[in-house]
Amino acid sequence: YYCAAKFTAYTDTNTYTQDRDYNYWGPGTQV
């Protein structure tokens, strides 16, 4: 499992569901 983040705008109301949308990723944790 990975968490991901992307900078956005204060007014942004979009939902991002594609991995290409995100710029930053953690190394992951095994479940």
ModelCIF file with pLDDT and N, C-alpha, C, O atoms, coordinates in Angstrom:
data_MODEL
#
_entry.id   MODEL 
#
_entity.id                         1 
_entity.type                       polymer 
_entity.pdbx_number_of_molecules   1 
#
_entity_poly.entity_id                      1 
_entity_poly.type                           'polypeptide(L)' 
_entity_poly.nstd_linkage                   no 
_entity_poly.nstd_monomer                   no 
_entity_poly.pdbx_seq_one_letter_code       YYCAAKFTAYTDTNTYTQDRDYNYWGPGTQV 
_entity_poly.pdbx_seq_one_letter_code_can   YYCAAKFTAYTDTNTYTQDRDYNYWGPGTQV 
_entity_poly.pdbx_strand_id                 A 
#
loop_
_entity_poly_seq.entity_id 
_entity_poly_seq.num 
_entity_poly_seq.mon_id 
_entity_poly_seq.hetero 
1 1  TYR n 
1 2  TYR n 
1 3  CYS n 
1 4  ALA n 
1 5  ALA n 
1 6  LYS n 
1 7  PHE n 
1 8  THR n 
1 9  ALA n 
1 10 TYR n 
1 11 THR n 
1 12 ASP n 
1 13 THR n 
1 14 ASN n 
1 15 THR n 
1 16 TYR n 
1 17 THR n 
1 18 GLN n 
1 19 ASP n 
1 20 ARG n 
1 21 ASP n 
1 22 TYR n 
1 23 ASN n 
1 24 TYR n 
1 25 TRP n 
1 26 GLY n 
1 27 PRO n 
1 28 GLY n 
1 29 THR n 
1 30 GLN n 
1 31 VAL n 
#
_struct_asym.id          A 
_struct_asym.entity_id   1 
#
loop_
_ma_qa_metric.id 
_ma_qa_metric.mode 
_ma_qa_metric.name 
_ma_qa_metric.software_group_id 
_ma_qa_metric.type 
1 global pLDDT . pLDDT 
2 local  pLDDT . pLDDT 
#
_ma_qa_metric_global.metric_id      1 
_ma_qa_metric_global.metric_value   92.61 
_ma_qa_metric_global.model_id       1 
_ma_qa_metric_global.ordinal_id     1 
#
loop_
_ma_qa_metric_local.label_asym_id 
_ma_qa_metric_local.label_comp_id 
_ma_qa_metric_local.label_seq_id 
_ma_qa_metric_local.metric_id 
_ma_qa_metric_local.metric_value 
_ma_qa_metric_local.model_id 
_ma_qa_metric_local.ordinal_id 
A TYR 1  2 98.00 1 1  
A TYR 2  2 98.00 1 2  
A CYS 3  2 97.00 1 3  
A ALA 4  2 96.00 1 4  
A ALA 5  2 93.00 1 5  
A LYS 6  2 92.00 1 6  
A PHE 7  2 90.00 1 7  
A THR 8  2 89.00 1 8  
A ALA 9  2 86.00 1 9  
A TYR 10 2 82.00 1 10 
A THR 11 2 82.00 1 11 
A ASP 12 2 84.00 1 12 
A THR 13 2 82.00 1 13 
A ASN 14 2 86.00 1 14 
A THR 15 2 88.00 1 15 
A TYR 16 2 93.00 1 16 
A THR 17 2 94.00 1 17 
A GLN 18 2 94.00 1 18 
A ASP 19 2 91.00 1 19 
A ARG 20 2 95.00 1 20 
A ASP 21 2 94.00 1 21 
A TYR 22 2 95.00 1 22 
A ASN 23 2 93.00 1 23 
A TYR 24 2 95.00 1 24 
A TRP 25 2 97.00 1 25 
A GLY 26 2 97.00 1 26 
A PRO 27 2 98.00 1 27 
A GLY 28 2 98.00 1 28 
A THR 29 2 98.00 1 29 
A GLN 30 2 98.00 1 30 
A VAL 31 2 98.00 1 31 
#
loop_
_atom_site.group_PDB 
_atom_site.id 
_atom_site.type_symbol 
_atom_site.label_atom_id 
_atom_site.label_alt_id 
_atom_site.label_comp_id 
_atom_site.label_asym_id 
_atom_site.label_entity_id 
_atom_site.label_seq_id 
_atom_site.pdbx_PDB_ins_code 
_atom_site.Cartn_x 
_atom_site.Cartn_y 
_atom_site.Cartn_z 
_atom_site.occupancy 
_atom_site.B_iso_or_equiv 
_atom_site.pdbx_formal_charge 
_atom_site.auth_seq_id 
_atom_site.auth_comp_id 
_atom_site.auth_asym_id 
_atom_site.auth_atom_id 
_atom_site.pdbx_PDB_model_num 
ATOM 1   N N  . TYR A 1 1  ? 0.839   -1.196 0.000   1.00 98.00 ? 1  TYR A N  1 
ATOM 2   C CA . TYR A 1 1  ? 0.000   0.000  0.000   1.00 98.00 ? 1  TYR A CA 1 
ATOM 3   C C  . TYR A 1 1  ? 0.878   1.251  0.000   1.00 98.00 ? 1  TYR A C  1 
ATOM 4   O O  . TYR A 1 1  ? 1.849   1.357  0.749   1.00 98.00 ? 1  TYR A O  1 
ATOM 5   N N  . TYR A 1 2  ? 0.503   2.193  -0.865  1.00 98.00 ? 2  TYR A N  1 
ATOM 6   C CA . TYR A 1 2  ? 1.266   3.423  -1.039  1.00 98.00 ? 2  TYR A CA 1 
ATOM 7   C C  . TYR A 1 2  ? 0.374   4.630  -0.763  1.00 98.00 ? 2  TYR A C  1 
ATOM 8   O O  . TYR A 1 2  ? -0.796  4.644  -1.147  1.00 98.00 ? 2  TYR A O  1 
ATOM 9   N N  . CYS A 1 3  ? 0.925   5.634  -0.101  1.00 97.00 ? 3  CYS A N  1 
ATOM 10  C CA . CYS A 1 3  ? 0.238   6.920  -0.076  1.00 97.00 ? 3  CYS A CA 1 
ATOM 11  C C  . CYS A 1 3  ? 0.881   7.830  -1.120  1.00 97.00 ? 3  CYS A C  1 
ATOM 12  O O  . CYS A 1 3  ? 2.052   7.681  -1.469  1.00 97.00 ? 3  CYS A O  1 
ATOM 13  N N  . ALA A 1 4  ? 0.097   8.756  -1.597  1.00 96.00 ? 4  ALA A N  1 
ATOM 14  C CA . ALA A 1 4  ? 0.521   9.636  -2.672  1.00 96.00 ? 4  ALA A CA 1 
ATOM 15  C C  . ALA A 1 4  ? -0.013  11.039 -2.436  1.00 96.00 ? 4  ALA A C  1 
ATOM 16  O O  . ALA A 1 4  ? -1.033  11.227 -1.772  1.00 96.00 ? 4  ALA A O  1 
ATOM 17  N N  . ALA A 1 5  ? 0.688   12.019 -2.988  1.00 93.00 ? 5  ALA A N  1 
ATOM 18  C CA . ALA A 1 5  ? 0.291   13.412 -2.789  1.00 93.00 ? 5  ALA A CA 1 
ATOM 19  C C  . ALA A 1 5  ? 0.564   14.224 -4.036  1.00 93.00 ? 5  ALA A C  1 
ATOM 20  O O  . ALA A 1 5  ? 1.450   13.904 -4.828  1.00 93.00 ? 5  ALA A O  1 
ATOM 21  N N  . LYS A 1 6  ? -0.214  15.279 -4.193  1.00 92.00 ? 6  LYS A N  1 
ATOM 22  C CA . LYS A 1 6  ? 0.030   16.240 -5.263  1.00 92.00 ? 6  LYS A CA 1 
ATOM 23  C C  . LYS A 1 6  ? -0.357  17.621 -4.757  1.00 92.00 ? 6  LYS A C  1 
ATOM 24  O O  . LYS A 1 6  ? -1.353  17.773 -4.050  1.00 92.00 ? 6  LYS A O  1 
ATOM 25  N N  . PHE A 1 7  ? 0.424   18.618 -5.117  1.00 90.00 ? 7  PHE A N  1 
ATOM 26  C CA . PHE A 1 7  ? 0.049   19.988 -4.809  1.00 90.00 ? 7  PHE A CA 1 
ATOM 27  C C  . PHE A 1 7  ? -1.138  20.372 -5.679  1.00 90.00 ? 7  PHE A C  1 
ATOM 28  O O  . PHE A 1 7  ? -1.261  19.952 -6.829  1.00 90.00 ? 7  PHE A O  1 
ATOM 29  N N  . THR A 1 8  ? -1.995  21.173 -5.097  1.00 89.00 ? 8  THR A N  1 
ATOM 30  C CA . THR A 1 8  ? -3.161  21.599 -5.850  1.00 89.00 ? 8  THR A CA 1 
ATOM 31  C C  . THR A 1 8  ? -3.471  23.038 -5.481  1.00 89.00 ? 8  THR A C  1 
ATOM 32  O O  . THR A 1 8  ? -2.659  23.713 -4.847  1.00 89.00 ? 8  THR A O  1 
ATOM 33  N N  . ALA A 1 9  ? -4.641  23.504 -5.877  1.00 86.00 ? 9  ALA A N  1 
ATOM 34  C CA . ALA A 1 9  ? -5.050  24.875 -5.583  1.00 86.00 ? 9  ALA A CA 1 
ATOM 35  C C  . ALA A 1 9  ? -5.998  24.882 -4.387  1.00 86.00 ? 9  ALA A C  1 
ATOM 36  O O  . ALA A 1 9  ? -6.662  23.886 -4.102  1.00 86.00 ? 9  ALA A O  1 
ATOM 37  N N  . TYR A 1 10 ? -6.052  26.007 -3.698  1.00 82.00 ? 10 TYR A N  1 
ATOM 38  C CA . TYR A 1 10 ? -6.938  26.098 -2.542  1.00 82.00 ? 10 TYR A CA 1 
ATOM 39  C C  . TYR A 1 10 ? -8.403  25.879 -2.917  1.00 82.00 ? 10 TYR A C  1 
ATOM 40  O O  . TYR A 1 10 ? -9.203  25.428 -2.097  1.00 82.00 ? 10 TYR A O  1 
ATOM 41  N N  . THR A 1 11 ? -8.741  26.200 -4.148  1.00 82.00 ? 11 THR A N  1 
ATOM 42  C CA . THR A 1 11 ? -10.126 26.084 -4.596  1.00 82.00 ? 11 THR A CA 1 
ATOM 43  C C  . THR A 1 11 ? -10.408 24.754 -5.288  1.00 82.00 ? 11 THR A C  1 
ATOM 44  O O  . THR A 1 11 ? -11.512 24.535 -5.786  1.00 82.00 ? 11 THR A O  1 
ATOM 45  N N  . ASP A 1 12 ? -9.429  23.876 -5.320  1.00 84.00 ? 12 ASP A N  1 
ATOM 46  C CA . ASP A 1 12 ? -9.580  22.628 -6.057  1.00 84.00 ? 12 ASP A CA 1 
ATOM 47  C C  . ASP A 1 12 ? -10.619 21.718 -5.406  1.00 84.00 ? 12 ASP A C  1 
ATOM 48  O O  . ASP A 1 12 ? -10.553 21.460 -4.204  1.00 84.00 ? 12 ASP A O  1 
ATOM 49  N N  . THR A 1 13 ? -11.569 21.237 -6.189  1.00 82.00 ? 13 THR A N  1 
ATOM 50  C CA . THR A 1 13 ? -12.571 20.294 -5.697  1.00 82.00 ? 13 THR A CA 1 
ATOM 51  C C  . THR A 1 13 ? -12.509 18.969 -6.446  1.00 82.00 ? 13 THR A C  1 
ATOM 52  O O  . THR A 1 13 ? -13.414 18.143 -6.329  1.00 82.00 ? 13 THR A O  1 
ATOM 53  N N  . ASN A 1 14 ? -11.448 18.766 -7.212  1.00 86.00 ? 14 ASN A N  1 
ATOM 54  C CA . ASN A 1 14 ? -11.325 17.530 -7.972  1.00 86.00 ? 14 ASN A CA 1 
ATOM 55  C C  . ASN A 1 14 ? -10.946 16.352 -7.084  1.00 86.00 ? 14 ASN A C  1 
ATOM 56  O O  . ASN A 1 14 ? -10.369 16.520 -6.009  1.00 86.00 ? 14 ASN A O  1 
ATOM 57  N N  . THR A 1 15 ? -11.282 15.165 -7.556  1.00 88.00 ? 15 THR A N  1 
ATOM 58  C CA . THR A 1 15 ? -10.875 13.917 -6.932  1.00 88.00 ? 15 THR A CA 1 
ATOM 59  C C  . THR A 1 15 ? -9.908  13.225 -7.881  1.00 88.00 ? 15 THR A C  1 
ATOM 60  O O  . THR A 1 15 ? -10.222 13.033 -9.056  1.00 88.00 ? 15 THR A O  1 
ATOM 61  N N  . TYR A 1 16 ? -8.757  12.857 -7.392  1.00 93.00 ? 16 TYR A N  1 
ATOM 62  C CA . TYR A 1 16 ? -7.712  12.296 -8.244  1.00 93.00 ? 16 TYR A CA 1 
ATOM 63  C C  . TYR A 1 16 ? -7.584  10.796 -7.983  1.00 93.00 ? 16 TYR A C  1 
ATOM 64  O O  . TYR A 1 16 ? -7.256  10.377 -6.873  1.00 93.00 ? 16 TYR A O  1 
ATOM 65  N N  . THR A 1 17 ? -7.845  9.998  -9.011  1.00 94.00 ? 17 THR A N  1 
ATOM 66  C CA . THR A 1 17 ? -7.870  8.551  -8.862  1.00 94.00 ? 17 THR A CA 1 
ATOM 67  C C  . THR A 1 17 ? -6.850  7.832  -9.730  1.00 94.00 ? 17 THR A C  1 
ATOM 68  O O  . THR A 1 17 ? -6.766  6.604  -9.688  1.00 94.00 ? 17 THR A O  1 
ATOM 69  N N  . GLN A 1 18 ? -6.080  8.562  -10.509 1.00 94.00 ? 18 GLN A N  1 
ATOM 70  C CA . GLN A 1 18 ? -5.077  7.957  -11.373 1.00 94.00 ? 18 GLN A CA 1 
ATOM 71  C C  . GLN A 1 18 ? -3.694  8.166  -10.781 1.00 94.00 ? 18 GLN A C  1 
ATOM 72  O O  . GLN A 1 18 ? -3.389  9.240  -10.264 1.00 94.00 ? 18 GLN A O  1 
ATOM 73  N N  . ASP A 1 19 ? -2.864  7.143  -10.857 1.00 91.00 ? 19 ASP A N  1 
ATOM 74  C CA . ASP A 1 19 ? -1.546  7.320  -10.243 1.00 91.00 ? 19 ASP A CA 1 
ATOM 75  C C  . ASP A 1 19 ? -0.735  8.382  -10.963 1.00 91.00 ? 19 ASP A C  1 
ATOM 76  O O  . ASP A 1 19 ? 0.152   8.989  -10.364 1.00 91.00 ? 19 ASP A O  1 
ATOM 77  N N  . ARG A 1 20 ? -1.023  8.619  -12.241 1.00 95.00 ? 20 ARG A N  1 
ATOM 78  C CA . ARG A 1 20 ? -0.283  9.655  -12.959 1.00 95.00 ? 20 ARG A CA 1 
ATOM 79  C C  . ARG A 1 20 ? -0.638  11.054 -12.465 1.00 95.00 ? 20 ARG A C  1 
ATOM 80  O O  . ARG A 1 20 ? 0.065   12.014 -12.779 1.00 95.00 ? 20 ARG A O  1 
ATOM 81  N N  . ASP A 1 21 ? -1.716  11.181 -11.699 1.00 94.00 ? 21 ASP A N  1 
ATOM 82  C CA . ASP A 1 21 ? -2.101  12.485 -11.149 1.00 94.00 ? 21 ASP A CA 1 
ATOM 83  C C  . ASP A 1 21 ? -1.172  12.934 -10.029 1.00 94.00 ? 21 ASP A C  1 
ATOM 84  O O  . ASP A 1 21 ? -1.078  14.127 -9.741  1.00 94.00 ? 21 ASP A O  1 
ATOM 85  N N  . TYR A 1 22 ? -0.493  11.997 -9.402  1.00 95.00 ? 22 TYR A N  1 
ATOM 86  C CA . TYR A 1 22 ? 0.271   12.287 -8.191  1.00 95.00 ? 22 TYR A CA 1 
ATOM 87  C C  . TYR A 1 22 ? 1.758   12.429 -8.477  1.00 95.00 ? 22 TYR A C  1 
ATOM 88  O O  . TYR A 1 22 ? 2.316   11.754 -9.342  1.00 95.00 ? 22 TYR A O  1 
ATOM 89  N N  . ASN A 1 23 ? 2.375   13.315 -7.732  1.00 93.00 ? 23 ASN A N  1 
ATOM 90  C CA . ASN A 1 23 ? 3.792   13.607 -7.933  1.00 93.00 ? 23 ASN A CA 1 
ATOM 91  C C  . ASN A 1 23 ? 4.699   12.962 -6.884  1.00 93.00 ? 23 ASN A C  1 
ATOM 92  O O  . ASN A 1 23 ? 5.878   12.714 -7.138  1.00 93.00 ? 23 ASN A O  1 
ATOM 93  N N  . TYR A 1 24 ? 4.139   12.694 -5.707  1.00 95.00 ? 24 TYR A N  1 
ATOM 94  C CA . TYR A 1 24 ? 4.959   12.228 -4.595  1.00 95.00 ? 24 TYR A CA 1 
ATOM 95  C C  . TYR A 1 24 ? 4.396   10.925 -4.051  1.00 95.00 ? 24 TYR A C  1 
ATOM 96  O O  . TYR A 1 24 ? 3.186   10.764 -3.892  1.00 95.00 ? 24 TYR A O  1 
ATOM 97  N N  . TRP A 1 25 ? 5.304   10.002 -3.769  1.00 97.00 ? 25 TRP A N  1 
ATOM 98  C CA . TRP A 1 25 ? 4.915   8.666  -3.331  1.00 97.00 ? 25 TRP A CA 1 
ATOM 99  C C  . TRP A 1 25 ? 5.769   8.216  -2.160  1.00 97.00 ? 25 TRP A C  1 
ATOM 100 O O  . TRP A 1 25 ? 6.951   8.550  -2.072  1.00 97.00 ? 25 TRP A O  1 
ATOM 101 N N  . GLY A 1 26 ? 5.157   7.453  -1.259  1.00 97.00 ? 26 GLY A N  1 
ATOM 102 C CA . GLY A 1 26 ? 5.932   6.804  -0.228  1.00 97.00 ? 26 GLY A CA 1 
ATOM 103 C C  . GLY A 1 26 ? 6.501   5.492  -0.737  1.00 97.00 ? 26 GLY A C  1 
ATOM 104 O O  . GLY A 1 26 ? 6.145   5.054  -1.832  1.00 97.00 ? 26 GLY A O  1 
ATOM 105 N N  . PRO A 1 27 ? 7.374   4.855  0.030   1.00 98.00 ? 27 PRO A N  1 
ATOM 106 C CA . PRO A 1 27 ? 7.988   3.584  -0.393  1.00 98.00 ? 27 PRO A CA 1 
ATOM 107 C C  . PRO A 1 27 ? 7.046   2.397  -0.284  1.00 98.00 ? 27 PRO A C  1 
ATOM 108 O O  . PRO A 1 27 ? 7.310   1.342  -0.861  1.00 98.00 ? 27 PRO A O  1 
ATOM 109 N N  . GLY A 1 28 ? 5.945   2.558  0.451   1.00 98.00 ? 28 GLY A N  1 
ATOM 110 C CA . GLY A 1 28 ? 4.966   1.483  0.563   1.00 98.00 ? 28 GLY A CA 1 
ATOM 111 C C  . GLY A 1 28 ? 5.096   0.693  1.853   1.00 98.00 ? 28 GLY A C  1 
ATOM 112 O O  . GLY A 1 28 ? 6.156   0.653  2.477   1.00 98.00 ? 28 GLY A O  1 
ATOM 113 N N  . THR A 1 29 ? 3.985   0.062  2.238   1.00 98.00 ? 29 THR A N  1 
ATOM 114 C CA . THR A 1 29 ? 3.967   -0.820 3.396   1.00 98.00 ? 29 THR A CA 1 
ATOM 115 C C  . THR A 1 29 ? 3.191   -2.076 3.025   1.00 98.00 ? 29 THR A C  1 
ATOM 116 O O  . THR A 1 29 ? 2.134   -1.997 2.399   1.00 98.00 ? 29 THR A O  1 
ATOM 117 N N  . GLN A 1 30 ? 3.717   -3.234 3.414   1.00 98.00 ? 30 GLN A N  1 
ATOM 118 C CA . GLN A 1 30 ? 3.118   -4.499 3.018   1.00 98.00 ? 30 GLN A CA 1 
ATOM 119 C C  . GLN A 1 30 ? 1.951   -4.852 3.923   1.00 98.00 ? 30 GLN A C  1 
ATOM 120 O O  . GLN A 1 30 ? 2.051   -4.790 5.149   1.00 98.00 ? 30 GLN A O  1 
ATOM 121 N N  . VAL A 1 31 ? 0.851   -5.220 3.302   1.00 98.00 ? 31 VAL A N  1 
ATOM 122 C CA . VAL A 1 31 ? -0.320  -5.745 4.012   1.00 98.00 ? 31 VAL A CA 1 
ATOM 123 C C  . VAL A 1 31 ? -0.563  -7.152 3.491   1.00 98.00 ? 31 VAL A C  1 
ATOM 124 O O  . VAL A 1 31 ? -1.499  -7.820 3.930   1.00 98.00 ? 31 VAL A O  1 
#
